[in-house]
Amino acid sequence: MSPQSWSKEAALGVLATTRVEPGPVLISLQALQQHFGYVPQEAIALVADACNVSRADVHGVLTFYHDLLTSPQPRNTVRLCAAEACQAVGSRELAKALEESGMVEIEKTYCFGNCALGPSAVVKGRLLGRATVESVLAAIEVGVMT
């Protein structure tokens, strides 16, 4: 499902499906992100009301988890491992080449636990080992790993 445009009504509909138990802040934020592609600032108060917690509590959860996004992301963001093992097999050079291609935005992260198959990247939520410019761009184009 592709991200939908923000609307308070849509957000309230999403939140209505997450009330499996009192206070599911993380579940609510994840559901909103799945629906909208990120968690809009306007949704914080809605989540706080729905979960019966303060806006500060919701903000704390939202900013604690790195995978929760607070703004729409570029369509082609690639998470690239910048840890030592991947650097040793070319992740810096790969990052530079991908940035120069103008096709992707690089988000450097540290260790996907795929050190033996470095350099590692995550493309559209899927892990790619022994990543190259060609394999990353192909994964973006088809949306699946081969």
N, C-alpha and C. Protein backbone atom coordinates (compact mmCIF):
# COMPACT_ATOMS: atom_id res chain seq x y z
N MET A 1 0.84 -1.17 0.00
CA MET A 1 0.00 0.00 0.00
C MET A 1 0.89 1.24 0.00
N SER A 2 0.62 2.17 -0.90
CA SER A 2 1.43 3.38 -0.95
C SER A 2 0.92 4.39 0.06
N PRO A 3 1.81 5.28 0.54
CA PRO A 3 1.42 6.25 1.55
C PRO A 3 0.27 7.14 1.07
N GLN A 4 -0.60 7.49 1.99
CA GLN A 4 -1.74 8.35 1.71
C GLN A 4 -1.43 9.76 2.19
N SER A 5 -2.15 10.73 1.67
CA SER A 5 -2.00 12.11 2.12
C SER A 5 -2.58 12.26 3.53
N TRP A 6 -2.00 13.17 4.30
CA TRP A 6 -2.44 13.40 5.68
C TRP A 6 -3.85 13.94 5.71
N SER A 7 -4.65 13.38 6.58
CA SER A 7 -5.93 13.96 6.95
C SER A 7 -6.26 13.48 8.35
N LYS A 8 -6.88 14.34 9.12
CA LYS A 8 -7.22 13.99 10.49
C LYS A 8 -8.20 12.82 10.51
N GLU A 9 -9.13 12.82 9.60
CA GLU A 9 -10.12 11.75 9.55
C GLU A 9 -9.47 10.40 9.26
N ALA A 10 -8.54 10.38 8.31
CA ALA A 10 -7.83 9.13 8.00
C ALA A 10 -7.01 8.65 9.19
N ALA A 11 -6.36 9.60 9.88
CA ALA A 11 -5.55 9.26 11.05
C ALA A 11 -6.43 8.67 12.15
N LEU A 12 -7.59 9.26 12.37
CA LEU A 12 -8.50 8.72 13.39
C LEU A 12 -8.97 7.32 13.01
N GLY A 13 -9.19 7.09 11.72
CA GLY A 13 -9.56 5.75 11.26
C GLY A 13 -8.46 4.74 11.51
N VAL A 14 -7.22 5.13 11.26
CA VAL A 14 -6.08 4.24 11.51
C VAL A 14 -5.97 3.95 13.01
N LEU A 15 -6.09 4.99 13.82
CA LEU A 15 -5.97 4.82 15.27
C LEU A 15 -7.08 3.94 15.83
N ALA A 16 -8.24 3.97 15.23
CA ALA A 16 -9.36 3.13 15.70
C ALA A 16 -9.03 1.65 15.55
N THR A 17 -8.15 1.30 14.62
CA THR A 17 -7.80 -0.11 14.42
C THR A 17 -6.70 -0.59 15.34
N THR A 18 -6.06 0.33 16.08
CA THR A 18 -4.92 -0.06 16.93
C THR A 18 -5.29 -0.23 18.38
N ARG A 19 -6.51 -0.04 18.74
CA ARG A 19 -6.92 -0.08 20.15
C ARG A 19 -7.18 -1.51 20.62
N VAL A 20 -6.14 -2.32 20.61
CA VAL A 20 -6.26 -3.68 21.08
C VAL A 20 -6.10 -3.77 22.60
N GLU A 21 -5.45 -2.77 23.16
CA GLU A 21 -5.25 -2.69 24.60
C GLU A 21 -4.97 -1.23 24.93
N PRO A 22 -5.15 -0.82 26.17
CA PRO A 22 -4.90 0.58 26.51
C PRO A 22 -3.44 0.97 26.29
N GLY A 23 -3.23 2.12 25.70
CA GLY A 23 -1.90 2.70 25.60
C GLY A 23 -0.96 2.13 24.57
N PRO A 24 -1.43 1.69 23.39
CA PRO A 24 -0.50 1.14 22.40
C PRO A 24 0.18 2.24 21.57
N VAL A 25 0.96 3.07 22.21
CA VAL A 25 1.57 4.22 21.53
C VAL A 25 2.42 3.78 20.35
N LEU A 26 3.33 2.85 20.56
CA LEU A 26 4.21 2.42 19.47
C LEU A 26 3.41 1.80 18.33
N ILE A 27 2.46 0.96 18.65
CA ILE A 27 1.63 0.33 17.62
C ILE A 27 0.87 1.40 16.83
N SER A 28 0.35 2.41 17.52
CA SER A 28 -0.38 3.49 16.86
C SER A 28 0.53 4.28 15.93
N LEU A 29 1.73 4.60 16.39
CA LEU A 29 2.68 5.35 15.56
C LEU A 29 3.09 4.53 14.34
N GLN A 30 3.33 3.24 14.52
CA GLN A 30 3.69 2.39 13.39
C GLN A 30 2.55 2.31 12.38
N ALA A 31 1.33 2.21 12.86
CA ALA A 31 0.18 2.15 11.95
C ALA A 31 0.02 3.44 11.17
N LEU A 32 0.21 4.58 11.84
CA LEU A 32 0.14 5.86 11.15
C LEU A 32 1.24 5.98 10.10
N GLN A 33 2.44 5.53 10.45
CA GLN A 33 3.53 5.59 9.49
C GLN A 33 3.26 4.69 8.29
N GLN A 34 2.72 3.53 8.54
CA GLN A 34 2.40 2.64 7.43
C GLN A 34 1.37 3.28 6.50
N HIS A 35 0.41 3.97 7.08
CA HIS A 35 -0.65 4.58 6.28
C HIS A 35 -0.17 5.82 5.53
N PHE A 36 0.57 6.72 6.23
CA PHE A 36 0.96 7.99 5.65
C PHE A 36 2.39 8.02 5.12
N GLY A 37 3.20 7.01 5.46
CA GLY A 37 4.61 7.00 5.05
C GLY A 37 5.51 7.67 6.07
N TYR A 38 4.93 8.32 7.05
CA TYR A 38 5.63 8.99 8.15
C TYR A 38 4.59 9.32 9.21
N VAL A 39 5.03 9.85 10.35
CA VAL A 39 4.10 10.26 11.40
C VAL A 39 4.05 11.79 11.40
N PRO A 40 2.96 12.36 10.88
CA PRO A 40 2.85 13.82 10.86
C PRO A 40 2.81 14.41 12.27
N GLN A 41 3.34 15.60 12.42
CA GLN A 41 3.35 16.30 13.71
C GLN A 41 1.94 16.41 14.27
N GLU A 42 0.97 16.63 13.40
CA GLU A 42 -0.42 16.78 13.83
C GLU A 42 -0.98 15.52 14.49
N ALA A 43 -0.37 14.38 14.21
CA ALA A 43 -0.86 13.11 14.73
C ALA A 43 -0.48 12.88 16.20
N ILE A 44 0.50 13.59 16.69
CA ILE A 44 0.97 13.38 18.07
C ILE A 44 -0.17 13.58 19.06
N ALA A 45 -0.91 14.66 18.92
CA ALA A 45 -2.02 14.92 19.84
C ALA A 45 -3.11 13.86 19.70
N LEU A 46 -3.36 13.40 18.47
CA LEU A 46 -4.37 12.37 18.26
C LEU A 46 -3.98 11.06 18.94
N VAL A 47 -2.70 10.70 18.83
CA VAL A 47 -2.22 9.47 19.47
C VAL A 47 -2.30 9.62 20.99
N ALA A 48 -1.91 10.77 21.49
CA ALA A 48 -1.97 11.00 22.94
C ALA A 48 -3.40 10.84 23.45
N ASP A 49 -4.35 11.42 22.74
CA ASP A 49 -5.75 11.30 23.15
C ASP A 49 -6.23 9.85 23.05
N ALA A 50 -5.90 9.20 21.95
CA ALA A 50 -6.36 7.82 21.73
C ALA A 50 -5.78 6.85 22.75
N CYS A 51 -4.54 7.10 23.17
CA CYS A 51 -3.86 6.18 24.09
C CYS A 51 -3.91 6.64 25.55
N ASN A 52 -4.53 7.80 25.77
CA ASN A 52 -4.65 8.35 27.12
C ASN A 52 -3.29 8.56 27.79
N VAL A 53 -2.38 9.18 27.02
CA VAL A 53 -1.06 9.53 27.52
C VAL A 53 -0.78 10.98 27.13
N SER A 54 0.29 11.54 27.65
CA SER A 54 0.62 12.93 27.31
C SER A 54 1.27 13.00 25.93
N ARG A 55 1.22 14.19 25.34
CA ARG A 55 1.91 14.41 24.06
C ARG A 55 3.41 14.21 24.23
N ALA A 56 3.94 14.53 25.39
CA ALA A 56 5.37 14.32 25.66
C ALA A 56 5.71 12.83 25.61
N ASP A 57 4.83 11.99 26.13
CA ASP A 57 5.06 10.54 26.07
C ASP A 57 5.10 10.07 24.62
N VAL A 58 4.16 10.54 23.82
CA VAL A 58 4.11 10.14 22.41
C VAL A 58 5.36 10.64 21.69
N HIS A 59 5.72 11.89 21.95
CA HIS A 59 6.93 12.46 21.33
C HIS A 59 8.16 11.65 21.72
N GLY A 60 8.23 11.23 22.97
CA GLY A 60 9.37 10.43 23.43
C GLY A 60 9.49 9.12 22.67
N VAL A 61 8.37 8.45 22.47
CA VAL A 61 8.39 7.19 21.70
C VAL A 61 8.75 7.47 20.26
N LEU A 62 8.16 8.50 19.69
CA LEU A 62 8.40 8.85 18.28
C LEU A 62 9.87 9.16 18.01
N THR A 63 10.51 9.85 18.93
CA THR A 63 11.91 10.23 18.70
C THR A 63 12.89 9.16 19.16
N PHE A 64 12.44 8.21 19.96
CA PHE A 64 13.33 7.14 20.44
C PHE A 64 13.60 6.13 19.33
N TYR A 65 12.60 5.76 18.57
CA TYR A 65 12.74 4.71 17.56
C TYR A 65 13.18 5.31 16.23
N HIS A 66 14.35 4.91 15.80
CA HIS A 66 14.96 5.45 14.58
C HIS A 66 14.12 5.19 13.33
N ASP A 67 13.39 4.09 13.31
CA ASP A 67 12.61 3.76 12.12
C ASP A 67 11.31 4.54 12.00
N LEU A 68 10.93 5.26 13.04
CA LEU A 68 9.74 6.11 12.95
C LEU A 68 10.16 7.43 12.33
N LEU A 69 9.49 7.82 11.28
CA LEU A 69 9.85 9.00 10.51
C LEU A 69 8.90 10.15 10.83
N THR A 70 9.44 11.35 10.93
CA THR A 70 8.62 12.51 11.24
C THR A 70 8.40 13.42 10.05
N SER A 71 8.89 13.03 8.90
CA SER A 71 8.65 13.80 7.68
C SER A 71 8.66 12.83 6.50
N PRO A 72 8.00 13.21 5.42
CA PRO A 72 8.01 12.32 4.25
C PRO A 72 9.45 12.12 3.77
N GLN A 73 9.75 10.91 3.40
CA GLN A 73 11.10 10.60 2.94
C GLN A 73 11.15 10.57 1.42
N PRO A 74 12.31 10.85 0.86
CA PRO A 74 12.45 10.73 -0.60
C PRO A 74 12.09 9.32 -1.02
N ARG A 75 11.60 9.19 -2.23
CA ARG A 75 11.17 7.88 -2.70
C ARG A 75 12.28 6.85 -2.66
N ASN A 76 13.49 7.23 -2.98
CA ASN A 76 14.57 6.28 -3.10
C ASN A 76 15.64 6.51 -2.04
N THR A 77 15.30 6.23 -0.80
CA THR A 77 16.28 6.30 0.27
C THR A 77 16.90 4.92 0.44
N VAL A 78 18.21 4.88 0.47
CA VAL A 78 18.94 3.63 0.67
C VAL A 78 19.69 3.74 1.98
N ARG A 79 19.47 2.77 2.86
CA ARG A 79 20.21 2.71 4.11
C ARG A 79 21.46 1.89 3.84
N LEU A 80 22.61 2.49 4.06
CA LEU A 80 23.88 1.85 3.75
C LEU A 80 24.70 1.71 5.02
N CYS A 81 25.22 0.51 5.25
CA CYS A 81 26.02 0.26 6.44
C CYS A 81 27.34 1.02 6.35
N ALA A 82 27.66 1.73 7.43
CA ALA A 82 28.91 2.49 7.49
C ALA A 82 29.83 1.95 8.58
N ALA A 83 29.56 0.74 9.07
CA ALA A 83 30.40 0.14 10.10
C ALA A 83 31.71 -0.35 9.47
N GLU A 84 32.65 -0.68 10.33
CA GLU A 84 34.01 -0.99 9.87
C GLU A 84 34.07 -2.15 8.87
N ALA A 85 33.33 -3.22 9.11
CA ALA A 85 33.40 -4.38 8.21
C ALA A 85 32.95 -4.00 6.80
N CYS A 86 31.88 -3.22 6.70
CA CYS A 86 31.40 -2.81 5.38
C CYS A 86 32.32 -1.76 4.75
N GLN A 87 32.91 -0.89 5.59
CA GLN A 87 33.87 0.07 5.06
C GLN A 87 35.06 -0.65 4.43
N ALA A 88 35.47 -1.74 5.07
CA ALA A 88 36.64 -2.49 4.58
C ALA A 88 36.41 -3.09 3.21
N VAL A 89 35.15 -3.29 2.84
CA VAL A 89 34.87 -3.88 1.53
C VAL A 89 34.17 -2.90 0.59
N GLY A 90 34.28 -1.59 0.90
CA GLY A 90 33.88 -0.59 -0.09
C GLY A 90 32.61 0.19 0.14
N SER A 91 32.07 0.24 1.35
CA SER A 91 30.81 0.97 1.53
C SER A 91 30.96 2.48 1.32
N ARG A 92 32.12 3.04 1.67
CA ARG A 92 32.32 4.48 1.45
C ARG A 92 32.31 4.82 -0.04
N GLU A 93 33.00 4.00 -0.81
CA GLU A 93 33.05 4.22 -2.25
C GLU A 93 31.66 4.02 -2.87
N LEU A 94 30.94 3.02 -2.36
CA LEU A 94 29.58 2.76 -2.84
C LEU A 94 28.68 3.95 -2.53
N ALA A 95 28.77 4.48 -1.32
CA ALA A 95 27.96 5.63 -0.93
C ALA A 95 28.23 6.81 -1.86
N LYS A 96 29.51 7.07 -2.12
CA LYS A 96 29.88 8.19 -2.99
C LYS A 96 29.33 7.99 -4.39
N ALA A 97 29.47 6.80 -4.93
CA ALA A 97 28.98 6.52 -6.28
C ALA A 97 27.46 6.62 -6.36
N LEU A 98 26.77 6.14 -5.34
CA LEU A 98 25.30 6.23 -5.34
C LEU A 98 24.83 7.67 -5.23
N GLU A 99 25.51 8.46 -4.39
CA GLU A 99 25.15 9.87 -4.26
C GLU A 99 25.39 10.61 -5.58
N GLU A 100 26.49 10.28 -6.25
CA GLU A 100 26.80 10.93 -7.53
C GLU A 100 25.82 10.54 -8.62
N SER A 101 25.18 9.39 -8.48
CA SER A 101 24.21 8.96 -9.49
C SER A 101 22.99 9.86 -9.49
N GLY A 102 22.72 10.51 -8.36
CA GLY A 102 21.56 11.38 -8.26
C GLY A 102 20.24 10.63 -8.17
N MET A 103 20.29 9.32 -8.10
CA MET A 103 19.08 8.50 -8.09
C MET A 103 18.58 8.19 -6.69
N VAL A 104 19.46 8.34 -5.69
CA VAL A 104 19.09 7.93 -4.34
C VAL A 104 19.60 8.92 -3.31
N GLU A 105 19.00 8.86 -2.15
CA GLU A 105 19.51 9.56 -0.99
C GLU A 105 20.06 8.49 -0.05
N ILE A 106 21.26 8.69 0.44
CA ILE A 106 21.91 7.72 1.31
C ILE A 106 21.66 8.07 2.76
N GLU A 107 21.27 7.07 3.52
CA GLU A 107 21.16 7.20 4.97
C GLU A 107 22.17 6.22 5.56
N LYS A 108 23.22 6.75 6.16
CA LYS A 108 24.24 5.88 6.74
C LYS A 108 23.75 5.34 8.08
N THR A 109 23.87 4.04 8.25
CA THR A 109 23.51 3.40 9.50
C THR A 109 24.66 2.47 9.88
N TYR A 110 24.56 1.88 11.05
CA TYR A 110 25.66 1.06 11.53
C TYR A 110 25.19 -0.35 11.83
N CYS A 111 25.69 -1.26 11.04
CA CYS A 111 25.59 -2.71 11.17
C CYS A 111 24.19 -3.28 11.06
N PHE A 112 24.00 -4.00 10.00
CA PHE A 112 22.77 -4.75 9.78
C PHE A 112 22.95 -6.21 10.20
N GLY A 113 24.14 -6.55 10.72
CA GLY A 113 24.40 -7.93 11.10
C GLY A 113 24.65 -8.82 9.89
N ASN A 114 25.08 -8.22 8.81
CA ASN A 114 25.29 -8.93 7.56
C ASN A 114 26.75 -8.74 7.11
N CYS A 115 27.65 -8.73 8.08
CA CYS A 115 29.05 -8.37 7.85
C CYS A 115 29.75 -9.26 6.82
N ALA A 116 29.42 -10.52 6.78
CA ALA A 116 30.08 -11.43 5.84
C ALA A 116 29.72 -11.14 4.40
N LEU A 117 28.63 -10.40 4.20
CA LEU A 117 28.18 -10.09 2.84
C LEU A 117 28.22 -8.60 2.56
N GLY A 118 29.17 -7.91 3.15
CA GLY A 118 29.27 -6.47 2.96
C GLY A 118 29.79 -6.10 1.59
N PRO A 119 29.60 -4.88 1.17
CA PRO A 119 28.84 -3.87 1.86
C PRO A 119 27.33 -4.17 1.81
N SER A 120 26.66 -3.86 2.91
CA SER A 120 25.23 -4.15 3.05
C SER A 120 24.40 -2.88 2.93
N ALA A 121 23.23 -3.05 2.34
CA ALA A 121 22.30 -1.94 2.17
C ALA A 121 20.89 -2.44 2.41
N VAL A 122 20.03 -1.54 2.78
CA VAL A 122 18.60 -1.85 2.85
C VAL A 122 17.92 -0.98 1.82
N VAL A 123 17.25 -1.65 0.89
CA VAL A 123 16.54 -0.99 -0.19
C VAL A 123 15.07 -1.39 -0.10
N LYS A 124 14.20 -0.39 0.04
CA LYS A 124 12.76 -0.63 0.15
C LYS A 124 12.45 -1.67 1.22
N GLY A 125 13.17 -1.57 2.35
CA GLY A 125 12.92 -2.45 3.48
C GLY A 125 13.52 -3.83 3.38
N ARG A 126 14.29 -4.10 2.35
CA ARG A 126 14.87 -5.43 2.18
C ARG A 126 16.39 -5.34 2.19
N LEU A 127 17.02 -6.30 2.86
CA LEU A 127 18.47 -6.33 3.01
C LEU A 127 19.13 -6.82 1.73
N LEU A 128 20.17 -6.12 1.32
CA LEU A 128 20.93 -6.47 0.12
C LEU A 128 22.39 -6.64 0.52
N GLY A 129 22.95 -7.81 0.30
CA GLY A 129 24.35 -8.08 0.58
C GLY A 129 25.20 -7.92 -0.66
N ARG A 130 26.50 -7.69 -0.44
CA ARG A 130 27.45 -7.45 -1.53
C ARG A 130 26.91 -6.41 -2.50
N ALA A 131 26.42 -5.33 -1.92
CA ALA A 131 25.76 -4.28 -2.70
C ALA A 131 26.74 -3.59 -3.65
N THR A 132 26.24 -3.31 -4.83
CA THR A 132 26.96 -2.53 -5.83
C THR A 132 26.01 -1.44 -6.31
N VAL A 133 26.54 -0.48 -7.04
CA VAL A 133 25.68 0.57 -7.60
C VAL A 133 24.60 -0.08 -8.46
N GLU A 134 25.00 -1.02 -9.28
CA GLU A 134 24.06 -1.67 -10.19
C GLU A 134 22.98 -2.45 -9.44
N SER A 135 23.38 -3.21 -8.40
CA SER A 135 22.39 -4.01 -7.68
C SER A 135 21.44 -3.14 -6.87
N VAL A 136 21.94 -2.04 -6.32
CA VAL A 136 21.07 -1.14 -5.56
C VAL A 136 20.06 -0.47 -6.49
N LEU A 137 20.53 0.05 -7.61
CA LEU A 137 19.62 0.71 -8.56
C LEU A 137 18.62 -0.27 -9.14
N ALA A 138 19.05 -1.51 -9.39
CA ALA A 138 18.13 -2.54 -9.88
C ALA A 138 17.08 -2.86 -8.82
N ALA A 139 17.49 -2.94 -7.56
CA ALA A 139 16.55 -3.23 -6.48
C ALA A 139 15.52 -2.12 -6.32
N ILE A 140 15.95 -0.89 -6.53
CA ILE A 140 15.02 0.24 -6.47
C ILE A 140 14.02 0.14 -7.61
N GLU A 141 14.53 -0.18 -8.77
CA GLU A 141 13.68 -0.23 -9.96
C GLU A 141 12.62 -1.32 -9.87
N VAL A 142 12.99 -2.51 -9.42
CA VAL A 142 12.03 -3.60 -9.38
C VAL A 142 11.36 -3.73 -8.02
N GLY A 143 11.96 -3.16 -6.98
CA GLY A 143 11.36 -3.19 -5.66
C GLY A 143 11.53 -4.49 -4.92
N VAL A 144 12.23 -5.44 -5.49
CA VAL A 144 12.49 -6.71 -4.82
C VAL A 144 13.95 -7.08 -5.02
N MET A 145 14.45 -7.93 -4.14
CA MET A 145 15.83 -8.37 -4.25
C MET A 145 15.90 -9.65 -5.07
N THR A 146 16.98 -9.78 -5.80
CA THR A 146 17.17 -11.00 -6.57
C THR A 146 18.33 -11.79 -6.02
